Amino acid sequence: MHAAVLKAVDDYLDRRTARRDEILGRIVKDHDGLLDRLADA
């Protein structure tokens, strides 16, 4: 029982971390695009 709970928590944290990394990657990409547009202006 205890091991199953720990595994569920680990899986949840892995998914959350992956989603956070994806969101951060998207923000960085959008930010780079914004800086490029400002530099071109």
PDB file of N, CA and C in Angstrom:
ATOM      1  N   MET A   1       0.842  -1.199   0.000  1.00  0.00           N
ATOM      2  CA  MET A   1       0.000   0.000   0.000  1.00  0.00           C
ATOM      3  C   MET A   1       0.879   1.251   0.000  1.00  0.00           C
ATOM      4  N   HIS A   2       1.814   1.309   0.944  1.00  0.00           N
ATOM      5  CA  HIS A   2       2.680   2.477   1.061  1.00  0.00           C
ATOM      6  C   HIS A   2       3.481   2.699  -0.226  1.00  0.00           C
ATOM      7  N   ALA A   3       4.026   1.598  -0.777  1.00  0.00           N
ATOM      8  CA  ALA A   3       4.816   1.712  -2.002  1.00  0.00           C
ATOM      9  C   ALA A   3       3.954   2.214  -3.154  1.00  0.00           C
ATOM     10  N   ALA A   4       2.705   1.767  -3.204  1.00  0.00           N
ATOM     11  CA  ALA A   4       1.811   2.202  -4.280  1.00  0.00           C
ATOM     12  C   ALA A   4       1.544   3.702  -4.182  1.00  0.00           C
ATOM     13  N   VAL A   5       1.375   4.186  -2.967  1.00  0.00           N
ATOM     14  CA  VAL A   5       1.141   5.626  -2.778  1.00  0.00           C
ATOM     15  C   VAL A   5       2.371   6.414  -3.217  1.00  0.00           C
ATOM     16  N   LEU A   6       3.554   5.951  -2.805  1.00  0.00           N
ATOM     17  CA  LEU A   6       4.779   6.644  -3.198  1.00  0.00           C
ATOM     18  C   LEU A   6       4.945   6.648  -4.712  1.00  0.00           C
ATOM     19  N   LYS A   7       4.613   5.520  -5.354  1.00  0.00           N
ATOM     20  CA  LYS A   7       4.743   5.457  -6.809  1.00  0.00           C
ATOM     21  C   LYS A   7       3.772   6.429  -7.467  1.00  0.00           C
ATOM     22  N   ALA A   8       2.546   6.499  -6.951  1.00  0.00           N
ATOM     23  CA  ALA A   8       1.562   7.429  -7.511  1.00  0.00           C
ATOM     24  C   ALA A   8       2.043   8.870  -7.367  1.00  0.00           C
ATOM     25  N   VAL A   9       2.623   9.189  -6.222  1.00  0.00           N
ATOM     26  CA  VAL A   9       3.143  10.547  -6.017  1.00  0.00           C
ATOM     27  C   VAL A   9       4.299  10.812  -6.974  1.00  0.00           C
ATOM     28  N   ASP A  10       5.206   9.846  -7.119  1.00  0.00           N
ATOM     29  CA  ASP A  10       6.328  10.004  -8.046  1.00  0.00           C
ATOM     30  C   ASP A  10       5.831  10.242  -9.466  1.00  0.00           C
ATOM     31  N   ASP A  11       4.860   9.432  -9.908  1.00  0.00           N
ATOM     32  CA  ASP A  11       4.319   9.586 -11.258  1.00  0.00           C
ATOM     33  C   ASP A  11       3.704  10.966 -11.432  1.00  0.00           C
ATOM     34  N   TYR A  12       2.961  11.418 -10.419  1.00  0.00           N
ATOM     35  CA  TYR A  12       2.325  12.733 -10.480  1.00  0.00           C
ATOM     36  C   TYR A  12       3.379  13.834 -10.596  1.00  0.00           C
ATOM     37  N   LEU A  13       4.427  13.732  -9.775  1.00  0.00           N
ATOM     38  CA  LEU A  13       5.476  14.752  -9.813  1.00  0.00           C
ATOM     39  C   LEU A  13       6.212  14.718 -11.147  1.00  0.00           C
ATOM     40  N   ASP A  14       6.453  13.527 -11.693  1.00  0.00           N
ATOM     41  CA  ASP A  14       7.113  13.425 -12.997  1.00  0.00           C
ATOM     42  C   ASP A  14       6.284  14.119 -14.063  1.00  0.00           C
ATOM     43  N   ARG A  15       4.978  13.858 -14.052  1.00  0.00           N
ATOM     44  CA  ARG A  15       4.111  14.488 -15.050  1.00  0.00           C
ATOM     45  C   ARG A  15       4.100  16.000 -14.875  1.00  0.00           C
ATOM     46  N   ARG A  16       4.025  16.450 -13.622  1.00  0.00           N
ATOM     47  CA  ARG A  16       3.991  17.890 -13.367  1.00  0.00           C
ATOM     48  C   ARG A  16       5.287  18.548 -13.808  1.00  0.00           C
ATOM     49  N   THR A  17       6.411  17.891 -13.536  1.00  0.00           N
ATOM     50  CA  THR A  17       7.706  18.441 -13.922  1.00  0.00           C
ATOM     51  C   THR A  17       7.818  18.509 -15.438  1.00  0.00           C
ATOM     52  N   ALA A  18       7.368  17.453 -16.118  1.00  0.00           N
ATOM     53  CA  ALA A  18       7.429  17.436 -17.578  1.00  0.00           C
ATOM     54  C   ALA A  18       6.573  18.563 -18.145  1.00  0.00           C
ATOM     55  N   ARG A  19       5.387  18.751 -17.571  1.00  0.00           N
ATOM     56  CA  ARG A  19       4.514  19.808 -18.071  1.00  0.00           C
ATOM     57  C   ARG A  19       5.128  21.177 -17.793  1.00  0.00           C
ATOM     58  N   ARG A  20       5.735  21.325 -16.605  1.00  0.00           N
ATOM     59  CA  ARG A  20       6.366  22.606 -16.276  1.00  0.00           C
ATOM     60  C   ARG A  20       7.512  22.896 -17.249  1.00  0.00           C
ATOM     61  N   ASP A  21       8.322  21.880 -17.555  1.00  0.00           N
ATOM     62  CA  ASP A  21       9.426  22.075 -18.489  1.00  0.00           C
ATOM     63  C   ASP A  21       8.900  22.460 -19.861  1.00  0.00           C
ATOM     64  N   GLU A  22       7.790  21.815 -20.282  1.00  0.00           N
ATOM     65  CA  GLU A  22       7.201  22.127 -21.585  1.00  0.00           C
ATOM     66  C   GLU A  22       6.711  23.571 -21.610  1.00  0.00           C
ATOM     67  N   ILE A  23       6.040  23.994 -20.543  1.00  0.00           N
ATOM     68  CA  ILE A  23       5.524  25.364 -20.476  1.00  0.00           C
ATOM     69  C   ILE A  23       6.679  26.363 -20.452  1.00  0.00           C
ATOM     70  N   LEU A  24       7.708  26.077 -19.652  1.00  0.00           N
ATOM     71  CA  LEU A  24       8.862  26.978 -19.599  1.00  0.00           C
ATOM     72  C   LEU A  24       9.535  27.058 -20.963  1.00  0.00           C
ATOM     73  N   GLY A  25       9.658  25.922 -21.643  1.00  0.00           N
ATOM     74  CA  GLY A  25      10.259  25.919 -22.971  1.00  0.00           C
ATOM     75  C   GLY A  25       9.468  26.780 -23.938  1.00  0.00           C
ATOM     76  N   ARG A  26       8.144  26.699 -23.844  1.00  0.00           N
ATOM     77  CA  ARG A  26       7.284  27.492 -24.723  1.00  0.00           C
ATOM     78  C   ARG A  26       7.436  28.981 -24.411  1.00  0.00           C
ATOM     79  N   ILE A  27       7.507  29.320 -23.120  1.00  0.00           N
ATOM     80  CA  ILE A  27       7.666  30.729 -22.733  1.00  0.00           C
ATOM     81  C   ILE A  27       9.002  31.264 -23.246  1.00  0.00           C
ATOM     82  N   VAL A  28      10.064  30.475 -23.071  1.00  0.00           N
ATOM     83  CA  VAL A  28      11.383  30.915 -23.533  1.00  0.00           C
ATOM     84  C   VAL A  28      11.360  31.121 -25.042  1.00  0.00           C
ATOM     85  N   LYS A  29      10.726  30.193 -25.771  1.00  0.00           N
ATOM     86  CA  LYS A  29      10.653  30.307 -27.227  1.00  0.00           C
ATOM     87  C   LYS A  29       9.875  31.559 -27.623  1.00  0.00           C
ATOM     88  N   ASP A  30       8.728  31.780 -26.976  1.00  0.00           N
ATOM     89  CA  ASP A  30       7.928  32.970 -27.265  1.00  0.00           C
ATOM     90  C   ASP A  30       8.720  34.224 -26.927  1.00  0.00           C
ATOM     91  N   HIS A  31       9.446  34.192 -25.835  1.00  0.00           N
ATOM     92  CA  HIS A  31      10.235  35.341 -25.394  1.00  0.00           C
ATOM     93  C   HIS A  31      11.319  35.644 -26.423  1.00  0.00           C
ATOM     94  N   ASP A  32      11.992  34.596 -26.927  1.00  0.00           N
ATOM     95  CA  ASP A  32      13.018  34.800 -27.947  1.00  0.00           C
ATOM     96  C   ASP A  32      12.405  35.425 -29.188  1.00  0.00           C
ATOM     97  N   GLY A  33      11.227  34.945 -29.592  1.00  0.00           N
ATOM     98  CA  GLY A  33      10.559  35.507 -30.762  1.00  0.00           C
ATOM     99  C   GLY A  33      10.223  36.972 -30.545  1.00  0.00           C
ATOM    100  N   LEU A  34       9.786  37.311 -29.347  1.00  0.00           N
ATOM    101  CA  LEU A  34       9.451  38.695 -29.020  1.00  0.00           C
ATOM    102  C   LEU A  34      10.696  39.569 -29.086  1.00  0.00           C
ATOM    103  N   LEU A  35      11.801  39.078 -28.541  1.00  0.00           N
ATOM    104  CA  LEU A  35      13.045  39.850 -28.580  1.00  0.00           C
ATOM    105  C   LEU A  35      13.507  40.046 -30.020  1.00  0.00           C
ATOM    106  N   ASP A  36      13.351  39.019 -30.855  1.00  0.00           N
ATOM    107  CA  ASP A  36      13.731  39.145 -32.265  1.00  0.00           C
ATOM    108  C   ASP A  36      12.902  40.230 -32.937  1.00  0.00           C
ATOM    109  N   ARG A  37      11.590  40.245 -32.663  1.00  0.00           N
ATOM    110  CA  ARG A  37      10.720  41.255 -33.271  1.00  0.00           C
ATOM    111  C   ARG A  37      11.098  42.654 -32.792  1.00  0.00           C
ATOM    112  N   LEU A  38      11.425  42.788 -31.509  1.00  0.00           N
ATOM    113  CA  LEU A  38      11.825  44.099 -30.986  1.00  0.00           C
ATOM    114  C   LEU A  38      13.142  44.546 -31.619  1.00  0.00           C
ATOM    115  N   ALA A  39      14.058  43.607 -31.822  1.00  0.00           N
ATOM    116  CA  ALA A  39      15.343  43.945 -32.419  1.00  0.00           C
ATOM    117  C   ALA A  39      15.158  44.385 -33.868  1.00  0.00           C
ATOM    118  N   ASP A  40      14.193  43.772 -34.564  1.00  0.00           N
ATOM    119  CA  ASP A  40      13.945  44.124 -35.963  1.00  0.00           C
ATOM    120  C   ASP A  40      13.244  45.470 -36.091  1.00  0.00           C
ATOM    121  N   ALA A  41      12.500  45.874 -35.069  1.00  0.00           N
ATOM    122  CA  ALA A  41      11.695  47.098 -35.152  1.00  0.00           C
ATOM    123  C   ALA A  41      12.566  48.348 -35.185  1.00  0.00           C
TER     124      ALA A  41
END
